[in-house]
Amino acid sequence: ELADFSVEQYFGNDTVNKRQWQGGTFAYDGQRLDYYDWVRNAVA
Protein backbone atom coordinates (compact mmCIF):
# COMPACT_ATOMS: atom_id res chain seq x y z
CA GLU A 1 0.00 0.00 0.00
CA LEU A 2 3.04 2.29 0.17
CA ALA A 3 3.62 4.34 -2.95
CA ASP A 4 7.37 4.64 -2.36
CA PHE A 5 8.16 1.17 -1.02
CA SER A 6 11.07 -0.25 -3.01
CA VAL A 7 13.86 -2.80 -2.69
CA GLU A 8 15.89 -1.17 -5.43
CA GLN A 9 18.57 -0.08 -2.93
CA TYR A 10 19.21 -3.75 -2.18
CA PHE A 11 19.09 -5.38 -5.59
CA GLY A 12 19.90 -2.55 -7.97
CA ASN A 13 17.87 -1.36 -10.94
CA ASP A 14 19.36 -3.74 -13.48
CA THR A 15 16.77 -6.40 -14.32
CA VAL A 16 19.51 -8.91 -15.21
CA ASN A 17 20.44 -9.37 -11.54
CA LYS A 18 17.06 -8.54 -10.10
CA ARG A 19 17.30 -10.71 -6.98
CA GLN A 20 21.07 -11.09 -6.59
CA TRP A 21 22.14 -8.32 -4.26
CA GLN A 22 25.88 -8.91 -4.66
CA GLY A 23 25.62 -8.78 -8.43
CA GLY A 24 23.09 -5.98 -8.46
CA THR A 25 24.08 -2.98 -10.55
CA PHE A 26 22.94 0.62 -10.42
CA ALA A 27 22.40 3.03 -13.26
CA TYR A 28 21.05 6.54 -13.65
CA ASP A 29 20.04 8.02 -17.00
CA GLY A 30 21.54 4.97 -18.65
CA GLN A 31 24.94 5.41 -17.02
CA ARG A 32 26.17 2.65 -14.73
CA LEU A 33 27.38 3.93 -11.36
CA ASP A 34 28.67 2.50 -8.14
CA TYR A 35 26.08 2.31 -5.35
CA TYR A 36 27.06 5.50 -3.53
CA ASP A 37 27.21 7.54 -6.74
CA TRP A 38 23.83 6.15 -7.73
CA VAL A 39 22.29 7.15 -4.38
CA ARG A 40 23.58 10.67 -4.75
CA ASN A 41 22.39 11.07 -8.35
CA ALA A 42 19.01 9.51 -7.58
CA VAL A 43 18.47 11.73 -4.53
CA ALA A 44 19.49 14.80 -6.54
All heavy atoms as atom14 arrays in JSON, in Angstrom:
{
  "sequence": "ELADFSVEQYFGNDTVNKRQWQGGTFAYDGQRLDYYDWVRNAVA",
  "atom14_mask": [
    [1, 1, 1, 1, 1, 1, 1, 1, 1, 0, 0, 0, 0, 0],
    [1, 1, 1, 1, 1, 1, 1, 1, 0, 0, 0, 0, 0, 0],
    [1, 1, 1, 1, 1, 0, 0, 0, 0, 0, 0, 0, 0, 0],
    [1, 1, 1, 1, 1, 1, 1, 1, 0, 0, 0, 0, 0, 0],
    [1, 1, 1, 1, 1, 1, 1, 1, 1, 1, 1, 0, 0, 0],
    [1, 1, 1, 1, 1, 1, 0, 0, 0, 0, 0, 0, 0, 0],
    [1, 1, 1, 1, 1, 1, 1, 0, 0, 0, 0, 0, 0, 0],
    [1, 1, 1, 1, 1, 1, 1, 1, 1, 0, 0, 0, 0, 0],
    [1, 1, 1, 1, 1, 1, 1, 1, 1, 0, 0, 0, 0, 0],
    [1, 1, 1, 1, 1, 1, 1, 1, 1, 1, 1, 1, 0, 0],
    [1, 1, 1, 1, 1, 1, 1, 1, 1, 1, 1, 0, 0, 0],
    [1, 1, 1, 1, 0, 0, 0, 0, 0, 0, 0, 0, 0, 0],
    [1, 1, 1, 1, 1, 1, 1, 1, 0, 0, 0, 0, 0, 0],
    [1, 1, 1, 1, 1, 1, 1, 1, 0, 0, 0, 0, 0, 0],
    [1, 1, 1, 1, 1, 1, 1, 0, 0, 0, 0, 0, 0, 0],
    [1, 1, 1, 1, 1, 1, 1, 0, 0, 0, 0, 0, 0, 0],
    [1, 1, 1, 1, 1, 1, 1, 1, 0, 0, 0, 0, 0, 0],
    [1, 1, 1, 1, 1, 1, 1, 1, 1, 0, 0, 0, 0, 0],
    [1, 1, 1, 1, 1, 1, 1, 1, 1, 1, 1, 0, 0, 0],
    [1, 1, 1, 1, 1, 1, 1, 1, 1, 0, 0, 0, 0, 0],
    [1, 1, 1, 1, 1, 1, 1, 1, 1, 1, 1, 1, 1, 1],
    [1, 1, 1, 1, 1, 1, 1, 1, 1, 0, 0, 0, 0, 0],
    [1, 1, 1, 1, 0, 0, 0, 0, 0, 0, 0, 0, 0, 0],
    [1, 1, 1, 1, 0, 0, 0, 0, 0, 0, 0, 0, 0, 0],
    [1, 1, 1, 1, 1, 1, 1, 0, 0, 0, 0, 0, 0, 0],
    [1, 1, 1, 1, 1, 1, 1, 1, 1, 1, 1, 0, 0, 0],
    [1, 1, 1, 1, 1, 0, 0, 0, 0, 0, 0, 0, 0, 0],
    [1, 1, 1, 1, 1, 1, 1, 1, 1, 1, 1, 1, 0, 0],
    [1, 1, 1, 1, 1, 1, 1, 1, 0, 0, 0, 0, 0, 0],
    [1, 1, 1, 1, 0, 0, 0, 0, 0, 0, 0, 0, 0, 0],
    [1, 1, 1, 1, 1, 1, 1, 1, 1, 0, 0, 0, 0, 0],
    [1, 1, 1, 1, 1, 1, 1, 1, 1, 1, 1, 0, 0, 0],
    [1, 1, 1, 1, 1, 1, 1, 1, 0, 0, 0, 0, 0, 0],
    [1, 1, 1, 1, 1, 1, 1, 1, 0, 0, 0, 0, 0, 0],
    [1, 1, 1, 1, 1, 1, 1, 1, 1, 1, 1, 1, 0, 0],
    [1, 1, 1, 1, 1, 1, 1, 1, 1, 1, 1, 1, 0, 0],
    [1, 1, 1, 1, 1, 1, 1, 1, 0, 0, 0, 0, 0, 0],
    [1, 1, 1, 1, 1, 1, 1, 1, 1, 1, 1, 1, 1, 1],
    [1, 1, 1, 1, 1, 1, 1, 0, 0, 0, 0, 0, 0, 0],
    [1, 1, 1, 1, 1, 1, 1, 1, 1, 1, 1, 0, 0, 0],
    [1, 1, 1, 1, 1, 1, 1, 1, 0, 0, 0, 0, 0, 0],
    [1, 1, 1, 1, 1, 0, 0, 0, 0, 0, 0, 0, 0, 0],
    [1, 1, 1, 1, 1, 1, 1, 0, 0, 0, 0, 0, 0, 0],
    [1, 1, 1, 1, 1, 0, 0, 0, 0, 0, 0, 0, 0, 0]
  ],
  "atom14_positions": [
    [[0.81, -1.22, 0.0], [0.0, 0.0, 0.0], [0.84, 1.27, 0.0], [0.29, 2.37, -0.08], [-0.91, 0.01, 1.23], [-1.91, -1.14, 1.28], [-2.64, -1.19, 2.61], [-1.98, -1.45, 3.64], [-3.87, -0.95, 2.61], [0.0, 0.0, 0.0], [0.0, 0.0, 0.0], [0.0, 0.0, 0.0], [0.0, 0.0, 0.0], [0.0, 0.0, 0.0]],
    [[2.14, 1.14, 0.09], [3.04, 2.29, 0.17], [3.52, 2.68, -1.22], [4.14, 1.87, -1.92], [4.23, 1.97, 1.07], [3.89, 1.75, 2.55], [5.06, 1.08, 3.27], [3.57, 3.09, 3.21], [0.0, 0.0, 0.0], [0.0, 0.0, 0.0], [0.0, 0.0, 0.0], [0.0, 0.0, 0.0], [0.0, 0.0, 0.0], [0.0, 0.0, 0.0]],
    [[3.27, 3.9, -1.6], [3.62, 4.34, -2.95], [5.12, 4.33, -3.2], [5.57, 4.11, -4.34], [3.07, 5.75, -3.2], [0.0, 0.0, 0.0], [0.0, 0.0, 0.0], [0.0, 0.0, 0.0], [0.0, 0.0, 0.0], [0.0, 0.0, 0.0], [0.0, 0.0, 0.0], [0.0, 0.0, 0.0], [0.0, 0.0, 0.0], [0.0, 0.0, 0.0]],
    [[5.92, 4.56, -2.15], [7.37, 4.64, -2.36], [8.13, 3.47, -1.73], [9.34, 3.57, -1.51], [7.92, 5.97, -1.86], [7.76, 6.15, -0.35], [6.93, 5.43, 0.25], [8.45, 7.02, 0.21], [0.0, 0.0, 0.0], [0.0, 0.0, 0.0], [0.0, 0.0, 0.0], [0.0, 0.0, 0.0], [0.0, 0.0, 0.0], [0.0, 0.0, 0.0]],
    [[7.42, 2.36, -1.44], [8.16, 1.17, -1.02], [8.97, 0.64, -2.19], [8.49, 0.56, -3.32], [7.22, 0.08, -0.51], [7.92, -1.23, -0.26], [8.65, -1.42, 0.9], [7.89, -2.25, -1.2], [9.32, -2.61, 1.14], [8.55, -3.45, -0.98], [9.28, -3.63, 0.2], [0.0, 0.0, 0.0], [0.0, 0.0, 0.0], [0.0, 0.0, 0.0]],
    [[10.22, 0.27, -1.94], [11.07, -0.25, -3.01], [12.23, -1.03, -2.39], [12.7, -0.69, -1.29], [11.63, 0.91, -3.85], [12.6, 0.45, -4.77], [0.0, 0.0, 0.0], [0.0, 0.0, 0.0], [0.0, 0.0, 0.0], [0.0, 0.0, 0.0], [0.0, 0.0, 0.0], [0.0, 0.0, 0.0], [0.0, 0.0, 0.0], [0.0, 0.0, 0.0]],
    [[12.66, -2.06, -3.09], [13.86, -2.8, -2.69], [15.01, -2.54, -3.65], [16.0, -3.26, -3.66], [13.57, -4.32, -2.6], [12.59, -4.6, -1.48], [13.06, -4.86, -3.93], [0.0, 0.0, 0.0], [0.0, 0.0, 0.0], [0.0, 0.0, 0.0], [0.0, 0.0, 0.0], [0.0, 0.0, 0.0], [0.0, 0.0, 0.0], [0.0, 0.0, 0.0]],
    [[14.87, -1.5, -4.44], [15.89, -1.17, -5.43], [17.26, -0.93, -4.79], [18.29, -1.29, -5.36], [15.45, 0.09, -6.19], [16.23, 0.39, -7.44], [15.65, 1.58, -8.19], [15.36, 2.61, -7.55], [15.47, 1.47, -9.42], [0.0, 0.0, 0.0], [0.0, 0.0, 0.0], [0.0, 0.0, 0.0], [0.0, 0.0, 0.0], [0.0, 0.0, 0.0]],
    [[17.29, -0.35, -3.59], [18.57, -0.08, -2.93], [19.29, -1.37, -2.55], [20.5, -1.34, -2.3], [18.38, 0.8, -1.7], [17.52, 0.2, -0.6], [17.41, 1.11, 0.61], [18.41, 1.63, 1.1], [16.19, 1.31, 1.09], [0.0, 0.0, 0.0], [0.0, 0.0, 0.0], [0.0, 0.0, 0.0], [0.0, 0.0, 0.0], [0.0, 0.0, 0.0]],
    [[18.59, -2.47, -2.51], [19.21, -3.75, -2.18], [19.67, -4.51, -3.43], [20.76, -5.08, -3.45], [18.24, -4.62, -1.39], [17.85, -4.03, -0.07], [16.65, -3.34, 0.08], [18.7, -4.11, 1.02], [16.3, -2.76, 1.29], [18.37, -3.53, 2.25], [17.17, -2.86, 2.36], [16.84, -2.28, 3.56], [0.0, 0.0, 0.0], [0.0, 0.0, 0.0]],
    [[18.83, -4.53, -4.44], [19.09, -5.38, -5.59], [19.54, -4.63, -6.84], [19.91, -5.25, -7.83], [17.83, -6.19, -5.93], [17.39, -7.1, -4.82], [16.24, -6.82, -4.1], [18.13, -8.22, -4.49], [15.83, -7.65, -3.06], [17.72, -9.06, -3.45], [16.58, -8.78, -2.74], [0.0, 0.0, 0.0], [0.0, 0.0, 0.0], [0.0, 0.0, 0.0]],
    [[19.53, -3.3, -6.8], [19.9, -2.55, -7.97], [18.73, -2.34, -8.9], [17.63, -2.86, -8.68], [0.0, 0.0, 0.0], [0.0, 0.0, 0.0], [0.0, 0.0, 0.0], [0.0, 0.0, 0.0], [0.0, 0.0, 0.0], [0.0, 0.0, 0.0], [0.0, 0.0, 0.0], [0.0, 0.0, 0.0], [0.0, 0.0, 0.0], [0.0, 0.0, 0.0]],
    [[18.94, -1.59, -9.97], [17.87, -1.36, -10.94], [18.19, -1.96, -12.3], [17.69, -1.52, -13.31], [17.55, 0.14, -11.06], [18.8, 0.97, -11.36], [19.88, 0.44, -11.6], [18.64, 2.28, -11.33], [0.0, 0.0, 0.0], [0.0, 0.0, 0.0], [0.0, 0.0, 0.0], [0.0, 0.0, 0.0], [0.0, 0.0, 0.0], [0.0, 0.0, 0.0]],
    [[19.03, -2.98, -12.28], [19.36, -3.74, -13.48], [18.56, -5.04, -13.43], [18.75, -5.86, -12.53], [20.85, -4.04, -13.52], [21.29, -4.78, -14.78], [20.41, -5.32, -15.47], [22.48, -4.81, -15.06], [0.0, 0.0, 0.0], [0.0, 0.0, 0.0], [0.0, 0.0, 0.0], [0.0, 0.0, 0.0], [0.0, 0.0, 0.0], [0.0, 0.0, 0.0]],
    [[17.65, -5.23, -14.37], [16.77, -6.4, -14.32], [17.52, -7.71, -14.5], [17.01, -8.78, -14.16], [15.69, -6.29, -15.41], [16.33, -6.13, -16.68], [14.79, -5.09, -15.15], [0.0, 0.0, 0.0], [0.0, 0.0, 0.0], [0.0, 0.0, 0.0], [0.0, 0.0, 0.0], [0.0, 0.0, 0.0], [0.0, 0.0, 0.0], [0.0, 0.0, 0.0]],
    [[18.75, -7.68, -15.0], [19.51, -8.91, -15.21], [19.78, -9.6, -13.88], [19.67, -10.81, -13.75], [20.83, -8.62, -15.94], [21.68, -9.88, -16.03], [20.55, -8.06, -17.34], [0.0, 0.0, 0.0], [0.0, 0.0, 0.0], [0.0, 0.0, 0.0], [0.0, 0.0, 0.0], [0.0, 0.0, 0.0], [0.0, 0.0, 0.0], [0.0, 0.0, 0.0]],
    [[20.12, -8.81, -12.86], [20.44, -9.37, -11.54], [19.39, -8.95, -10.52], [19.73, -8.52, -9.42], [21.84, -8.9, -11.1], [22.94, -9.44, -11.98], [23.05, -10.64, -12.14], [23.74, -8.56, -12.55], [0.0, 0.0, 0.0], [0.0, 0.0, 0.0], [0.0, 0.0, 0.0], [0.0, 0.0, 0.0], [0.0, 0.0, 0.0], [0.0, 0.0, 0.0]],
    [[18.15, -9.1, -10.89], [17.06, -8.54, -10.1], [17.1, -8.97, -8.64], [16.87, -8.16, -7.75], [15.73, -8.96, -10.74], [14.5, -8.38, -10.07], [14.4, -6.89, -10.29], [13.1, -6.35, -9.74], [13.02, -4.9, -9.83], [0.0, 0.0, 0.0], [0.0, 0.0, 0.0], [0.0, 0.0, 0.0], [0.0, 0.0, 0.0], [0.0, 0.0, 0.0]],
    [[17.37, -10.23, -8.35], [17.3, -10.71, -6.98], [18.66, -11.16, -6.45], [18.72, -11.9, -5.48], [16.3, -11.85, -6.87], [14.93, -11.55, -7.42], [14.27, -10.36, -6.74], [13.97, -10.6, -5.34], [13.36, -9.74, -4.55], [12.99, -8.55, -5.01], [13.1, -10.03, -3.29], [0.0, 0.0, 0.0], [0.0, 0.0, 0.0], [0.0, 0.0, 0.0]],
    [[19.73, -10.74, -7.06], [21.07, -11.09, -6.59], [21.74, -9.82, -6.08], [22.27, -9.03, -6.85], [21.89, -11.71, -7.73], [21.31, -12.99, -8.28], [21.34, -14.12, -7.26], [22.29, -14.25, -6.49], [20.3, -14.93, -7.25], [0.0, 0.0, 0.0], [0.0, 0.0, 0.0], [0.0, 0.0, 0.0], [0.0, 0.0, 0.0], [0.0, 0.0, 0.0]],
    [[21.7, -9.61, -4.78], [22.14, -8.32, -4.26], [23.62, -8.07, -4.52], [24.03, -6.93, -4.8], [21.82, -8.2, -2.77], [22.77, -8.92, -1.85], [22.69, -10.21, -1.44], [23.94, -8.38, -1.24], [23.73, -10.52, -0.61], [24.52, -9.41, -0.47], [24.56, -7.12, -1.27], [25.68, -9.23, 0.27], [25.72, -6.94, -0.53], [26.26, -7.98, 0.22]],
    [[24.45, -9.12, -4.44], [25.88, -8.91, -4.66], [26.19, -8.55, -6.11], [27.12, -7.81, -6.39], [26.66, -10.16, -4.24], [26.72, -10.35, -2.73], [27.44, -11.62, -2.33], [27.11, -12.7, -2.8], [28.43, -11.49, -1.47], [0.0, 0.0, 0.0], [0.0, 0.0, 0.0], [0.0, 0.0, 0.0], [0.0, 0.0, 0.0], [0.0, 0.0, 0.0]],
    [[25.4, -9.08, -7.03], [25.62, -8.78, -8.43], [24.75, -7.65, -8.94], [24.8, -7.31, -10.12], [0.0, 0.0, 0.0], [0.0, 0.0, 0.0], [0.0, 0.0, 0.0], [0.0, 0.0, 0.0], [0.0, 0.0, 0.0], [0.0, 0.0, 0.0], [0.0, 0.0, 0.0], [0.0, 0.0, 0.0], [0.0, 0.0, 0.0], [0.0, 0.0, 0.0]],
    [[23.96, -7.05, -8.05], [23.09, -5.98, -8.46], [23.87, -4.77, -8.95], [24.91, -4.41, -8.38], [0.0, 0.0, 0.0], [0.0, 0.0, 0.0], [0.0, 0.0, 0.0], [0.0, 0.0, 0.0], [0.0, 0.0, 0.0], [0.0, 0.0, 0.0], [0.0, 0.0, 0.0], [0.0, 0.0, 0.0], [0.0, 0.0, 0.0], [0.0, 0.0, 0.0]],
    [[23.41, -4.15, -10.0], [24.08, -2.98, -10.55], [23.13, -1.79, -10.53], [21.9, -1.95, -10.5], [24.57, -3.23, -11.98], [23.46, -3.64, -12.79], [25.64, -4.31, -12.01], [0.0, 0.0, 0.0], [0.0, 0.0, 0.0], [0.0, 0.0, 0.0], [0.0, 0.0, 0.0], [0.0, 0.0, 0.0], [0.0, 0.0, 0.0], [0.0, 0.0, 0.0]],
    [[23.71, -0.61, -10.57], [22.94, 0.62, -10.42], [23.25, 1.54, -11.59], [24.41, 1.71, -11.96], [23.28, 1.29, -9.09], [22.96, 0.44, -7.9], [23.89, -0.48, -7.41], [21.73, 0.51, -7.28], [23.6, -1.27, -6.32], [21.42, -0.28, -6.19], [22.36, -1.18, -5.71], [0.0, 0.0, 0.0], [0.0, 0.0, 0.0], [0.0, 0.0, 0.0]],
    [[22.22, 2.13, -12.13], [22.4, 3.03, -13.26], [21.46, 4.21, -13.11], [20.37, 4.1, -12.53], [22.14, 2.31, -14.57], [0.0, 0.0, 0.0], [0.0, 0.0, 0.0], [0.0, 0.0, 0.0], [0.0, 0.0, 0.0], [0.0, 0.0, 0.0], [0.0, 0.0, 0.0], [0.0, 0.0, 0.0], [0.0, 0.0, 0.0], [0.0, 0.0, 0.0]],
    [[21.9, 5.35, -13.63], [21.05, 6.54, -13.65], [21.18, 7.2, -15.01], [22.3, 7.43, -15.49], [21.45, 7.53, -12.54], [20.39, 8.58, -12.3], [19.32, 8.31, -11.45], [20.44, 9.8, -12.94], [18.32, 9.24, -11.24], [19.45, 10.75, -12.74], [18.39, 10.47, -11.89], [17.4, 11.39, -11.68], [0.0, 0.0, 0.0], [0.0, 0.0, 0.0]],
    [[20.05, 7.47, -15.63], [20.04, 8.02, -17.0], [20.9, 7.19, -17.95], [21.63, 7.73, -18.79], [20.53, 9.48, -17.0], [19.42, 10.44, -16.6], [18.25, 10.0, -16.49], [19.72, 11.63, -16.4], [0.0, 0.0, 0.0], [0.0, 0.0, 0.0], [0.0, 0.0, 0.0], [0.0, 0.0, 0.0], [0.0, 0.0, 0.0], [0.0, 0.0, 0.0]],
    [[20.82, 5.87, -17.76], [21.54, 4.97, -18.65], [23.02, 4.82, -18.35], [23.71, 4.05, -19.04], [0.0, 0.0, 0.0], [0.0, 0.0, 0.0], [0.0, 0.0, 0.0], [0.0, 0.0, 0.0], [0.0, 0.0, 0.0], [0.0, 0.0, 0.0], [0.0, 0.0, 0.0], [0.0, 0.0, 0.0], [0.0, 0.0, 0.0], [0.0, 0.0, 0.0]],
    [[23.52, 5.49, -17.35], [24.94, 5.41, -17.02], [25.13, 4.56, -15.78], [24.54, 4.84, -14.73], [25.52, 6.81, -16.79], [27.03, 6.82, -16.61], [27.57, 8.24, -16.59], [26.93, 9.15, -16.09], [28.74, 8.44, -17.14], [0.0, 0.0, 0.0], [0.0, 0.0, 0.0], [0.0, 0.0, 0.0], [0.0, 0.0, 0.0], [0.0, 0.0, 0.0]],
    [[25.94, 3.52, -15.87], [26.17, 2.65, -14.73], [27.07, 3.34, -13.71], [28.1, 3.93, -14.06], [26.79, 1.33, -15.19], [26.97, 0.34, -14.06], [27.27, -1.06, -14.56], [26.12, -1.65, -15.24], [26.09, -2.91, -15.66], [27.13, -3.69, -15.49], [25.01, -3.38, -16.25], [0.0, 0.0, 0.0], [0.0, 0.0, 0.0], [0.0, 0.0, 0.0]],
    [[26.67, 3.26, -12.45], [27.38, 3.93, -11.36], [27.61, 2.96, -10.22], [26.94, 1.94, -10.11], [26.55, 5.12, -10.85], [26.12, 6.18, -11.86], [25.12, 7.12, -11.22], [27.33, 6.95, -12.38], [0.0, 0.0, 0.0], [0.0, 0.0, 0.0], [0.0, 0.0, 0.0], [0.0, 0.0, 0.0], [0.0, 0.0, 0.0], [0.0, 0.0, 0.0]],
    [[28.56, 3.29, -9.36], [28.67, 2.5, -8.14], [27.52, 2.91, -7.21], [26.83, 3.91, -7.44], [30.04, 2.66, -7.49], [30.15, 3.84, -6.53], [29.45, 4.84, -6.72], [30.96, 3.76, -5.6], [0.0, 0.0, 0.0], [0.0, 0.0, 0.0], [0.0, 0.0, 0.0], [0.0, 0.0, 0.0], [0.0, 0.0, 0.0], [0.0, 0.0, 0.0]],
    [[27.26, 2.11, -6.18], [26.08, 2.31, -5.35], [26.0, 3.72, -4.77], [24.94, 4.37, -4.81], [26.06, 1.27, -4.22], [24.97, 1.5, -3.22], [23.64, 1.2, -3.53], [25.25, 2.02, -1.95], [22.62, 1.42, -2.61], [24.23, 2.24, -1.03], [22.93, 1.95, -1.36], [21.92, 2.17, -0.45], [0.0, 0.0, 0.0], [0.0, 0.0, 0.0]],
    [[27.09, 4.22, -4.22], [27.06, 5.5, -3.53], [26.87, 6.66, -4.51], [26.18, 7.63, -4.2], [28.33, 5.67, -2.68], [28.42, 4.6, -1.63], [29.14, 3.42, -1.85], [27.75, 4.73, -0.42], [29.2, 2.42, -0.9], [27.8, 3.73, 0.55], [28.52, 2.57, 0.3], [28.56, 1.58, 1.25], [0.0, 0.0, 0.0], [0.0, 0.0, 0.0]],
    [[27.46, 6.54, -5.7], [27.21, 7.54, -6.74], [25.76, 7.51, -7.19], [25.13, 8.54, -7.42], [28.12, 7.28, -7.94], [29.35, 8.16, -7.93], [29.45, 9.04, -7.06], [30.23, 7.97, -8.79], [0.0, 0.0, 0.0], [0.0, 0.0, 0.0], [0.0, 0.0, 0.0], [0.0, 0.0, 0.0], [0.0, 0.0, 0.0], [0.0, 0.0, 0.0]],
    [[25.23, 6.29, -7.32], [23.83, 6.15, -7.73], [22.9, 6.8, -6.71], [21.97, 7.53, -7.09], [23.48, 4.68, -7.9], [22.01, 4.45, -8.1], [21.27, 4.7, -9.22], [21.09, 3.94, -7.12], [19.95, 4.38, -9.0], [19.81, 3.91, -7.73], [21.23, 3.51, -5.81], [18.68, 3.46, -7.05], [20.1, 3.05, -5.12], [18.85, 3.03, -5.74]],
    [[23.14, 6.55, -5.42], [22.29, 7.15, -4.38], [22.3, 8.67, -4.53], [21.26, 9.32, -4.51], [22.77, 6.73, -2.98], [22.13, 7.61, -1.9], [22.45, 5.27, -2.71], [0.0, 0.0, 0.0], [0.0, 0.0, 0.0], [0.0, 0.0, 0.0], [0.0, 0.0, 0.0], [0.0, 0.0, 0.0], [0.0, 0.0, 0.0], [0.0, 0.0, 0.0]],
    [[23.48, 9.22, -4.7], [23.58, 10.67, -4.75], [22.88, 11.24, -5.98], [22.17, 12.25, -5.9], [25.04, 11.09, -4.71], [25.2, 12.57, -4.53], [26.58, 12.96, -4.1], [26.78, 14.37, -4.25], [27.94, 14.99, -4.09], [29.0, 14.3, -3.73], [28.03, 16.29, -4.26], [0.0, 0.0, 0.0], [0.0, 0.0, 0.0], [0.0, 0.0, 0.0]],
    [[23.07, 10.61, -7.14], [22.39, 11.07, -8.35], [20.88, 10.92, -8.23], [20.12, 11.83, -8.62], [22.9, 10.29, -9.57], [24.22, 10.8, -10.11], [24.28, 11.54, -11.08], [25.32, 10.41, -9.47], [0.0, 0.0, 0.0], [0.0, 0.0, 0.0], [0.0, 0.0, 0.0], [0.0, 0.0, 0.0], [0.0, 0.0, 0.0], [0.0, 0.0, 0.0]],
    [[20.45, 9.77, -7.7], [19.01, 9.51, -7.58], [18.35, 10.48, -6.62], [17.22, 10.95, -6.86], [18.78, 8.07, -7.14], [0.0, 0.0, 0.0], [0.0, 0.0, 0.0], [0.0, 0.0, 0.0], [0.0, 0.0, 0.0], [0.0, 0.0, 0.0], [0.0, 0.0, 0.0], [0.0, 0.0, 0.0], [0.0, 0.0, 0.0], [0.0, 0.0, 0.0]],
    [[19.03, 10.79, -5.51], [18.47, 11.73, -4.53], [18.46, 13.15, -5.09], [17.54, 13.92, -4.83], [19.27, 11.65, -3.22], [18.89, 12.78, -2.27], [19.02, 10.3, -2.54], [0.0, 0.0, 0.0], [0.0, 0.0, 0.0], [0.0, 0.0, 0.0], [0.0, 0.0, 0.0], [0.0, 0.0, 0.0], [0.0, 0.0, 0.0], [0.0, 0.0, 0.0]],
    [[19.47, 13.49, -5.89], [19.49, 14.8, -6.54], [18.43, 14.9, -7.63], [17.98, 15.99, -7.98], [20.87, 15.08, -7.13], [0.0, 0.0, 0.0], [0.0, 0.0, 0.0], [0.0, 0.0, 0.0], [0.0, 0.0, 0.0], [0.0, 0.0, 0.0], [0.0, 0.0, 0.0], [0.0, 0.0, 0.0], [0.0, 0.0, 0.0], [0.0, 0.0, 0.0]]
  ]
}
